[in-house]
Amino acid sequence: MPENSKSQQGACCETTECCRVEAVVSVDARGQVVLPKEIRDGMGIAAGDKLALVTLSRGGKPCCLVMTKAENLAKSARDLLGPLIKEI
């Protein structure tokens, strides 16, 4: 895609103050990714922890991948859906 048409469409994930690139990682032949120690330590990620991968789409195609601890995703879902469930 030419550079100018990409900028006209806008970035997939708009830049905000809360988000930044922490690291660039590679996928190995088995599809595995190693999270750098600094990231694991800073996020409190330990061996055996479950991570949720969330895709963001633009134009019907996945464009961004966000990783969060599964417990954070579950808490967010409870916080969001809890009031709705109480109303039912």
PDB file of N, CA and C in Angstrom:
ATOM      1  N   MET A   1       0.851  -1.170   0.000  1.00  0.00           N
ATOM      2  CA  MET A   1       0.000   0.000   0.000  1.00  0.00           C
ATOM      3  C   MET A   1       0.896   1.232   0.000  1.00  0.00           C
ATOM      4  N   PRO A   2       0.656   2.166  -0.895  1.00  0.00           N
ATOM      5  CA  PRO A   2       1.468   3.377  -0.917  1.00  0.00           C
ATOM      6  C   PRO A   2       1.353   4.132   0.397  1.00  0.00           C
ATOM      7  N   GLU A   3       2.444   4.759   0.773  1.00  0.00           N
ATOM      8  CA  GLU A   3       2.513   5.453   2.059  1.00  0.00           C
ATOM      9  C   GLU A   3       1.417   6.509   2.213  1.00  0.00           C
ATOM     10  N   ASN A   4       1.158   7.282   1.150  1.00  0.00           N
ATOM     11  CA  ASN A   4       0.185   8.362   1.284  1.00  0.00           C
ATOM     12  C   ASN A   4      -1.241   7.851   1.444  1.00  0.00           C
ATOM     13  N   SER A   5      -1.591   6.713   0.809  1.00  0.00           N
ATOM     14  CA  SER A   5      -2.953   6.218   0.977  1.00  0.00           C
ATOM     15  C   SER A   5      -3.154   5.666   2.379  1.00  0.00           C
ATOM     16  N   LYS A   6      -2.110   5.100   2.972  1.00  0.00           N
ATOM     17  CA  LYS A   6      -2.213   4.606   4.341  1.00  0.00           C
ATOM     18  C   LYS A   6      -2.456   5.759   5.301  1.00  0.00           C
ATOM     19  N   SER A   7      -1.736   6.860   5.119  1.00  0.00           N
ATOM     20  CA  SER A   7      -1.910   7.992   6.023  1.00  0.00           C
ATOM     21  C   SER A   7      -3.276   8.641   5.836  1.00  0.00           C
ATOM     22  N   GLN A   8      -3.838   8.580   4.631  1.00  0.00           N
ATOM     23  CA  GLN A   8      -5.158   9.140   4.408  1.00  0.00           C
ATOM     24  C   GLN A   8      -6.229   8.320   5.122  1.00  0.00           C
ATOM     25  N   GLN A   9      -6.028   6.987   5.201  1.00  0.00           N
ATOM     26  CA  GLN A   9      -6.997   6.134   5.872  1.00  0.00           C
ATOM     27  C   GLN A   9      -6.868   6.234   7.381  1.00  0.00           C
ATOM     28  N   GLY A  10      -5.739   6.640   7.874  1.00  0.00           N
ATOM     29  CA  GLY A  10      -5.492   6.691   9.308  1.00  0.00           C
ATOM     30  C   GLY A  10      -4.853   5.404   9.776  1.00  0.00           C
ATOM     31  N   ALA A  11      -4.172   5.489  10.879  1.00  0.00           N
ATOM     32  CA  ALA A  11      -3.522   4.309  11.433  1.00  0.00           C
ATOM     33  C   ALA A  11      -4.567   3.362  11.998  1.00  0.00           C
ATOM     34  N   CYS A  12      -4.222   2.097  12.018  1.00  0.00           N
ATOM     35  CA  CYS A  12      -5.138   1.094  12.580  1.00  0.00           C
ATOM     36  C   CYS A  12      -5.458   1.438  14.026  1.00  0.00           C
ATOM     37  N   CYS A  13      -4.437   1.591  14.815  1.00  0.00           N
ATOM     38  CA  CYS A  13      -4.600   1.922  16.234  1.00  0.00           C
ATOM     39  C   CYS A  13      -4.093   3.336  16.426  1.00  0.00           C
ATOM     40  N   GLU A  14      -4.984   4.243  16.643  1.00  0.00           N
ATOM     41  CA  GLU A  14      -4.587   5.636  16.792  1.00  0.00           C
ATOM     42  C   GLU A  14      -3.660   5.799  17.992  1.00  0.00           C
ATOM     43  N   THR A  15      -2.674   6.653  17.853  1.00  0.00           N
ATOM     44  CA  THR A  15      -1.718   6.894  18.921  1.00  0.00           C
ATOM     45  C   THR A  15      -2.384   7.653  20.060  1.00  0.00           C
ATOM     46  N   THR A  16      -2.155   7.187  21.266  1.00  0.00           N
ATOM     47  CA  THR A  16      -2.650   7.878  22.448  1.00  0.00           C
ATOM     48  C   THR A  16      -1.533   7.924  23.467  1.00  0.00           C
ATOM     49  N   GLU A  17      -1.711   8.727  24.477  1.00  0.00           N
ATOM     50  CA  GLU A  17      -0.687   8.838  25.507  1.00  0.00           C
ATOM     51  C   GLU A  17      -0.529   7.550  26.294  1.00  0.00           C
ATOM     52  N   CYS A  18      -1.567   6.756  26.389  1.00  0.00           N
ATOM     53  CA  CYS A  18      -1.501   5.555  27.220  1.00  0.00           C
ATOM     54  C   CYS A  18      -0.814   4.396  26.522  1.00  0.00           C
ATOM     55  N   CYS A  19      -0.589   4.484  25.245  1.00  0.00           N
ATOM     56  CA  CYS A  19      -0.037   3.364  24.489  1.00  0.00           C
ATOM     57  C   CYS A  19       1.315   3.716  23.894  1.00  0.00           C
ATOM     58  N   ARG A  20       2.225   2.724  23.923  1.00  0.00           N
ATOM     59  CA  ARG A  20       3.524   2.918  23.288  1.00  0.00           C
ATOM     60  C   ARG A  20       4.104   1.553  22.956  1.00  0.00           C
ATOM     61  N   VAL A  21       5.049   1.525  22.052  1.00  0.00           N
ATOM     62  CA  VAL A  21       5.730   0.286  21.704  1.00  0.00           C
ATOM     63  C   VAL A  21       6.709  -0.034  22.818  1.00  0.00           C
ATOM     64  N   GLU A  22       6.539  -1.171  23.450  1.00  0.00           N
ATOM     65  CA  GLU A  22       7.412  -1.594  24.546  1.00  0.00           C
ATOM     66  C   GLU A  22       8.560  -2.450  24.038  1.00  0.00           C
ATOM     67  N   ALA A  23       8.306  -3.247  23.002  1.00  0.00           N
ATOM     68  CA  ALA A  23       9.325  -4.150  22.476  1.00  0.00           C
ATOM     69  C   ALA A  23       8.881  -4.637  21.107  1.00  0.00           C
ATOM     70  N   VAL A  24       9.830  -5.110  20.340  1.00  0.00           N
ATOM     71  CA  VAL A  24       9.553  -5.788  19.077  1.00  0.00           C
ATOM     72  C   VAL A  24      10.016  -7.225  19.274  1.00  0.00           C
ATOM     73  N   VAL A  25       9.124  -8.178  19.018  1.00  0.00           N
ATOM     74  CA  VAL A  25       9.441  -9.584  19.224  1.00  0.00           C
ATOM     75  C   VAL A  25       9.299 -10.334  17.906  1.00  0.00           C
ATOM     76  N   SER A  26       9.877 -11.511  17.841  1.00  0.00           N
ATOM     77  CA  SER A  26       9.810 -12.351  16.646  1.00  0.00           C
ATOM     78  C   SER A  26       9.002 -13.607  16.940  1.00  0.00           C
ATOM     79  N   VAL A  27       8.399 -14.144  15.903  1.00  0.00           N
ATOM     80  CA  VAL A  27       7.690 -15.413  15.991  1.00  0.00           C
ATOM     81  C   VAL A  27       8.627 -16.479  15.444  1.00  0.00           C
ATOM     82  N   ASP A  28       8.852 -17.560  16.211  1.00  0.00           N
ATOM     83  CA  ASP A  28       9.763 -18.596  15.734  1.00  0.00           C
ATOM     84  C   ASP A  28       9.022 -19.590  14.839  1.00  0.00           C
ATOM     85  N   ALA A  29       9.731 -20.599  14.369  1.00  0.00           N
ATOM     86  CA  ALA A  29       9.171 -21.569  13.427  1.00  0.00           C
ATOM     87  C   ALA A  29       7.986 -22.331  14.009  1.00  0.00           C
ATOM     88  N   ARG A  30       7.917 -22.443  15.319  1.00  0.00           N
ATOM     89  CA  ARG A  30       6.789 -23.133  15.960  1.00  0.00           C
ATOM     90  C   ARG A  30       5.658 -22.178  16.313  1.00  0.00           C
ATOM     91  N   GLY A  31       5.776 -20.917  15.948  1.00  0.00           N
ATOM     92  CA  GLY A  31       4.734 -19.933  16.232  1.00  0.00           C
ATOM     93  C   GLY A  31       4.813 -19.345  17.621  1.00  0.00           C
ATOM     94  N   GLN A  32       5.927 -19.538  18.301  1.00  0.00           N
ATOM     95  CA  GLN A  32       6.077 -19.044  19.660  1.00  0.00           C
ATOM     96  C   GLN A  32       6.736 -17.674  19.681  1.00  0.00           C
ATOM     97  N   VAL A  33       6.347 -16.887  20.682  1.00  0.00           N
ATOM     98  CA  VAL A  33       6.891 -15.548  20.898  1.00  0.00           C
ATOM     99  C   VAL A  33       7.433 -15.504  22.320  1.00  0.00           C
ATOM    100  N   VAL A  34       8.609 -14.933  22.492  1.00  0.00           N
ATOM    101  CA  VAL A  34       9.176 -14.763  23.829  1.00  0.00           C
ATOM    102  C   VAL A  34       8.963 -13.315  24.250  1.00  0.00           C
ATOM    103  N   LEU A  35       8.317 -13.128  25.398  1.00  0.00           N
ATOM    104  CA  LEU A  35       8.150 -11.784  25.948  1.00  0.00           C
ATOM    105  C   LEU A  35       9.427 -11.416  26.697  1.00  0.00           C
ATOM    106  N   PRO A  36       9.991 -10.254  26.411  1.00  0.00           N
ATOM    107  CA  PRO A  36      11.215  -9.852  27.115  1.00  0.00           C
ATOM    108  C   PRO A  36      11.005  -9.812  28.628  1.00  0.00           C
ATOM    109  N   LYS A  37      12.060 -10.136  29.361  1.00  0.00           N
ATOM    110  CA  LYS A  37      12.014 -10.188  30.825  1.00  0.00           C
ATOM    111  C   LYS A  37      11.506  -8.882  31.418  1.00  0.00           C
ATOM    112  N   GLU A  38      11.942  -7.751  30.874  1.00  0.00           N
ATOM    113  CA  GLU A  38      11.512  -6.449  31.400  1.00  0.00           C
ATOM    114  C   GLU A  38       9.995  -6.298  31.298  1.00  0.00           C
ATOM    115  N   ILE A  39       9.421  -6.787  30.208  1.00  0.00           N
ATOM    116  CA  ILE A  39       7.969  -6.711  30.015  1.00  0.00           C
ATOM    117  C   ILE A  39       7.275  -7.640  31.011  1.00  0.00           C
ATOM    118  N   ARG A  40       7.756  -8.886  31.105  1.00  0.00           N
ATOM    119  CA  ARG A  40       7.149  -9.843  32.043  1.00  0.00           C
ATOM    120  C   ARG A  40       7.201  -9.317  33.467  1.00  0.00           C
ATOM    121  N   ASP A  41       8.354  -8.809  33.865  1.00  0.00           N
ATOM    122  CA  ASP A  41       8.497  -8.281  35.227  1.00  0.00           C
ATOM    123  C   ASP A  41       7.590  -7.077  35.454  1.00  0.00           C
ATOM    124  N   GLY A  42       7.580  -6.153  34.511  1.00  0.00           N
ATOM    125  CA  GLY A  42       6.781  -4.936  34.653  1.00  0.00           C
ATOM    126  C   GLY A  42       5.288  -5.196  34.688  1.00  0.00           C
ATOM    127  N   MET A  43       4.850  -6.235  33.983  1.00  0.00           N
ATOM    128  CA  MET A  43       3.424  -6.569  33.924  1.00  0.00           C
ATOM    129  C   MET A  43       3.032  -7.634  34.936  1.00  0.00           C
ATOM    130  N   GLY A  44       4.021  -8.146  35.670  1.00  0.00           N
ATOM    131  CA  GLY A  44       3.721  -9.187  36.647  1.00  0.00           C
ATOM    132  C   GLY A  44       3.298 -10.493  35.998  1.00  0.00           C
ATOM    133  N   ILE A  45       3.881 -10.810  34.842  1.00  0.00           N
ATOM    134  CA  ILE A  45       3.553 -12.038  34.121  1.00  0.00           C
ATOM    135  C   ILE A  45       4.539 -13.123  34.543  1.00  0.00           C
ATOM    136  N   ALA A  46       3.996 -14.254  34.986  1.00  0.00           N
ATOM    137  CA  ALA A  46       4.825 -15.374  35.429  1.00  0.00           C
ATOM    138  C   ALA A  46       4.493 -16.612  34.599  1.00  0.00           C
ATOM    139  N   ALA A  47       5.371 -17.596  34.657  1.00  0.00           N
ATOM    140  CA  ALA A  47       5.139 -18.855  33.951  1.00  0.00           C
ATOM    141  C   ALA A  47       3.781 -19.415  34.356  1.00  0.00           C
ATOM    142  N   GLY A  48       3.022 -19.853  33.370  1.00  0.00           N
ATOM    143  CA  GLY A  48       1.701 -20.421  33.633  1.00  0.00           C
ATOM    144  C   GLY A  48       0.559 -19.424  33.574  1.00  0.00           C
ATOM    145  N   ASP A  49       0.863 -18.115  33.591  1.00  0.00           N
ATOM    146  CA  ASP A  49      -0.196 -17.111  33.479  1.00  0.00           C
ATOM    147  C   ASP A  49      -0.883 -17.231  32.126  1.00  0.00           C
ATOM    148  N   LYS A  50      -2.166 -16.943  32.093  1.00  0.00           N
ATOM    149  CA  LYS A  50      -2.940 -16.954  30.855  1.00  0.00           C
ATOM    150  C   LYS A  50      -3.008 -15.535  30.311  1.00  0.00           C
ATOM    151  N   LEU A  51      -2.765 -15.408  29.008  1.00  0.00           N
ATOM    152  CA  LEU A  51      -2.855 -14.118  28.334  1.00  0.00           C
ATOM    153  C   LEU A  51      -3.952 -14.193  27.283  1.00  0.00           C
ATOM    154  N   ALA A  52      -4.716 -13.131  27.145  1.00  0.00           N
ATOM    155  CA  ALA A  52      -5.763 -13.043  26.132  1.00  0.00           C
ATOM    156  C   ALA A  52      -5.247 -12.176  24.994  1.00  0.00           C
ATOM    157  N   LEU A  53      -5.438 -12.650  23.772  1.00  0.00           N
ATOM    158  CA  LEU A  53      -5.079 -11.878  22.587  1.00  0.00           C
ATOM    159  C   LEU A  53      -6.362 -11.336  21.981  1.00  0.00           C
ATOM    160  N   VAL A  54      -6.413 -10.035  21.806  1.00  0.00           N
ATOM    161  CA  VAL A  54      -7.594  -9.358  21.278  1.00  0.00           C
ATOM    162  C   VAL A  54      -7.208  -8.706  19.962  1.00  0.00           C
ATOM    163  N   THR A  55      -7.986  -8.951  18.910  1.00  0.00           N
ATOM    164  CA  THR A  55      -7.704  -8.317  17.627  1.00  0.00           C
ATOM    165  C   THR A  55      -8.598  -7.094  17.452  1.00  0.00           C
ATOM    166  N   LEU A  56      -8.042  -6.084  16.852  1.00  0.00           N
ATOM    167  CA  LEU A  56      -8.785  -4.895  16.458  1.00  0.00           C
ATOM    168  C   LEU A  56      -8.862  -4.920  14.942  1.00  0.00           C
ATOM    169  N   SER A  57     -10.004  -4.549  14.394  1.00  0.00           N
ATOM    170  CA  SER A  57     -10.200  -4.622  12.950  1.00  0.00           C
ATOM    171  C   SER A  57     -10.465  -3.259  12.352  1.00  0.00           C
ATOM    172  N   ARG A  58     -10.104  -3.145  11.114  1.00  0.00           N
ATOM    173  CA  ARG A  58     -10.393  -1.957  10.322  1.00  0.00           C
ATOM    174  C   ARG A  58     -10.788  -2.452   8.934  1.00  0.00           C
ATOM    175  N   GLY A  59     -11.919  -2.016   8.470  1.00  0.00           N
ATOM    176  CA  GLY A  59     -12.383  -2.445   7.156  1.00  0.00           C
ATOM    177  C   GLY A  59     -12.634  -3.944   7.080  1.00  0.00           C
ATOM    178  N   GLY A  60     -13.003  -4.549   8.208  1.00  0.00           N
ATOM    179  CA  GLY A  60     -13.298  -5.969   8.223  1.00  0.00           C
ATOM    180  C   GLY A  60     -12.089  -6.881   8.291  1.00  0.00           C
ATOM    181  N   LYS A  61     -10.889  -6.301   8.382  1.00  0.00           N
ATOM    182  CA  LYS A  61      -9.673  -7.109   8.445  1.00  0.00           C
ATOM    183  C   LYS A  61      -8.923  -6.811   9.735  1.00  0.00           C
ATOM    184  N   PRO A  62      -8.386  -7.864  10.379  1.00  0.00           N
ATOM    185  CA  PRO A  62      -7.609  -7.625  11.599  1.00  0.00           C
ATOM    186  C   PRO A  62      -6.382  -6.776  11.294  1.00  0.00           C
ATOM    187  N   CYS A  63      -6.120  -5.789  12.157  1.00  0.00           N
ATOM    188  CA  CYS A  63      -4.978  -4.907  11.913  1.00  0.00           C
ATOM    189  C   CYS A  63      -4.080  -4.759  13.130  1.00  0.00           C
ATOM    190  N   CYS A  64      -4.608  -5.002  14.308  1.00  0.00           N
ATOM    191  CA  CYS A  64      -3.819  -4.846  15.529  1.00  0.00           C
ATOM    192  C   CYS A  64      -4.087  -6.025  16.451  1.00  0.00           C
ATOM    193  N   LEU A  65      -3.076  -6.343  17.233  1.00  0.00           N
ATOM    194  CA  LEU A  65      -3.187  -7.420  18.206  1.00  0.00           C
ATOM    195  C   LEU A  65      -2.797  -6.861  19.560  1.00  0.00           C
ATOM    196  N   VAL A  66      -3.689  -7.003  20.531  1.00  0.00           N
ATOM    197  CA  VAL A  66      -3.448  -6.507  21.884  1.00  0.00           C
ATOM    198  C   VAL A  66      -3.388  -7.713  22.813  1.00  0.00           C
ATOM    199  N   MET A  67      -2.420  -7.721  23.705  1.00  0.00           N
ATOM    200  CA  MET A  67      -2.271  -8.817  24.656  1.00  0.00           C
ATOM    201  C   MET A  67      -2.498  -8.277  26.061  1.00  0.00           C
ATOM    202  N   THR A  68      -3.307  -8.992  26.843  1.00  0.00           N
ATOM    203  CA  THR A  68      -3.556  -8.607  28.224  1.00  0.00           C
ATOM    204  C   THR A  68      -3.654  -9.862  29.074  1.00  0.00           C
ATOM    205  N   LYS A  69      -3.434  -9.718  30.352  1.00  0.00           N
ATOM    206  CA  LYS A  69      -3.617 -10.871  31.236  1.00  0.00           C
ATOM    207  C   LYS A  69      -5.092 -11.255  31.200  1.00  0.00           C
ATOM    208  N   ALA A  70      -5.366 -12.543  31.118  1.00  0.00           N
ATOM    209  CA  ALA A  70      -6.745 -13.022  31.022  1.00  0.00           C
ATOM    210  C   ALA A  70      -7.577 -12.553  32.207  1.00  0.00           C
ATOM    211  N   GLU A  71      -6.974 -12.478  33.384  1.00  0.00           N
ATOM    212  CA  GLU A  71      -7.720 -12.022  34.567  1.00  0.00           C
ATOM    213  C   GLU A  71      -8.166 -10.572  34.403  1.00  0.00           C
ATOM    214  N   ASN A  72      -7.382  -9.750  33.715  1.00  0.00           N
ATOM    215  CA  ASN A  72      -7.782  -8.364  33.466  1.00  0.00           C
ATOM    216  C   ASN A  72      -8.951  -8.304  32.502  1.00  0.00           C
ATOM    217  N   LEU A  73      -8.938  -9.164  31.500  1.00  0.00           N
ATOM    218  CA  LEU A  73     -10.017  -9.199  30.523  1.00  0.00           C
ATOM    219  C   LEU A  73     -11.312  -9.656  31.191  1.00  0.00           C
ATOM    220  N   ALA A  74     -11.217 -10.677  32.026  1.00  0.00           N
ATOM    221  CA  ALA A  74     -12.404 -11.173  32.728  1.00  0.00           C
ATOM    222  C   ALA A  74     -12.977 -10.093  33.636  1.00  0.00           C
ATOM    223  N   LYS A  75     -12.112  -9.358  34.339  1.00  0.00           N
ATOM    224  CA  LYS A  75     -12.572  -8.287  35.223  1.00  0.00           C
ATOM    225  C   LYS A  75     -13.250  -7.192  34.407  1.00  0.00           C
ATOM    226  N   SER A  76     -12.666  -6.835  33.259  1.00  0.00           N
ATOM    227  CA  SER A  76     -13.265  -5.807  32.407  1.00  0.00           C
ATOM    228  C   SER A  76     -14.638  -6.250  31.922  1.00  0.00           C
ATOM    229  N   ALA A  77     -14.766  -7.513  31.552  1.00  0.00           N
ATOM    230  CA  ALA A  77     -16.052  -8.025  31.083  1.00  0.00           C
ATOM    231  C   ALA A  77     -17.082  -7.989  32.208  1.00  0.00           C
ATOM    232  N   ARG A  78     -16.675  -8.384  33.414  1.00  0.00           N
ATOM    233  CA  ARG A  78     -17.599  -8.341  34.560  1.00  0.00           C
ATOM    234  C   ARG A  78     -18.035  -6.909  34.844  1.00  0.00           C
ATOM    235  N   ASP A  79     -17.072  -5.983  34.818  1.00  0.00           N
ATOM    236  CA  ASP A  79     -17.396  -4.582  35.093  1.00  0.00           C
ATOM    237  C   ASP A  79     -18.359  -4.026  34.052  1.00  0.00           C
ATOM    238  N   LEU A  80     -18.163  -4.421  32.800  1.00  0.00           N
ATOM    239  CA  LEU A  80     -18.990  -3.923  31.710  1.00  0.00           C
ATOM    240  C   LEU A  80     -20.367  -4.585  31.699  1.00  0.00           C
ATOM    241  N   LEU A  81     -20.392  -5.906  31.868  1.00  0.00           N
ATOM    242  CA  LEU A  81     -21.641  -6.647  31.729  1.00  0.00           C
ATOM    243  C   LEU A  81     -22.423  -6.789  33.028  1.00  0.00           C
ATOM    244  N   GLY A  82     -21.766  -6.638  34.166  1.00  0.00           N
ATOM    245  CA  GLY A  82     -22.432  -6.803  35.457  1.00  0.00           C
ATOM    246  C   GLY A  82     -23.711  -6.000  35.593  1.00  0.00           C
ATOM    247  N   PRO A  83     -23.667  -4.698  35.350  1.00  0.00           N
ATOM    248  CA  PRO A  83     -24.890  -3.895  35.473  1.00  0.00           C
ATOM    249  C   PRO A  83     -25.985  -4.334  34.503  1.00  0.00           C
ATOM    250  N   LEU A  84     -25.607  -4.794  33.311  1.00  0.00           N
ATOM    251  CA  LEU A  84     -26.609  -5.248  32.346  1.00  0.00           C
ATOM    252  C   LEU A  84     -27.287  -6.522  32.823  1.00  0.00           C
ATOM    253  N   ILE A  85     -26.503  -7.436  33.389  1.00  0.00           N
ATOM    254  CA  ILE A  85     -27.058  -8.701  33.865  1.00  0.00           C
ATOM    255  C   ILE A  85     -28.009  -8.455  35.032  1.00  0.00           C
ATOM    256  N   LYS A  86     -27.684  -7.510  35.903  1.00  0.00           N
ATOM    257  CA  LYS A  86     -28.554  -7.201  37.044  1.00  0.00           C
ATOM    258  C   LYS A  86     -29.913  -6.694  36.583  1.00  0.00           C
ATOM    259  N   GLU A  87     -29.945  -6.004  35.424  1.00  0.00           N
ATOM    260  CA  GLU A  87     -31.199  -5.458  34.915  1.00  0.00           C
ATOM    261  C   GLU A  87     -32.104  -6.534  34.340  1.00  0.00           C
ATOM    262  N   ILE A  88     -31.522  -7.657  33.953  1.00  0.00           N
ATOM    263  CA  ILE A  88     -32.309  -8.718  33.288  1.00  0.00           C
ATOM    264  C   ILE A  88     -33.063  -9.529  34.268  1.00  0.00           C
TER     265      ILE A  88
END
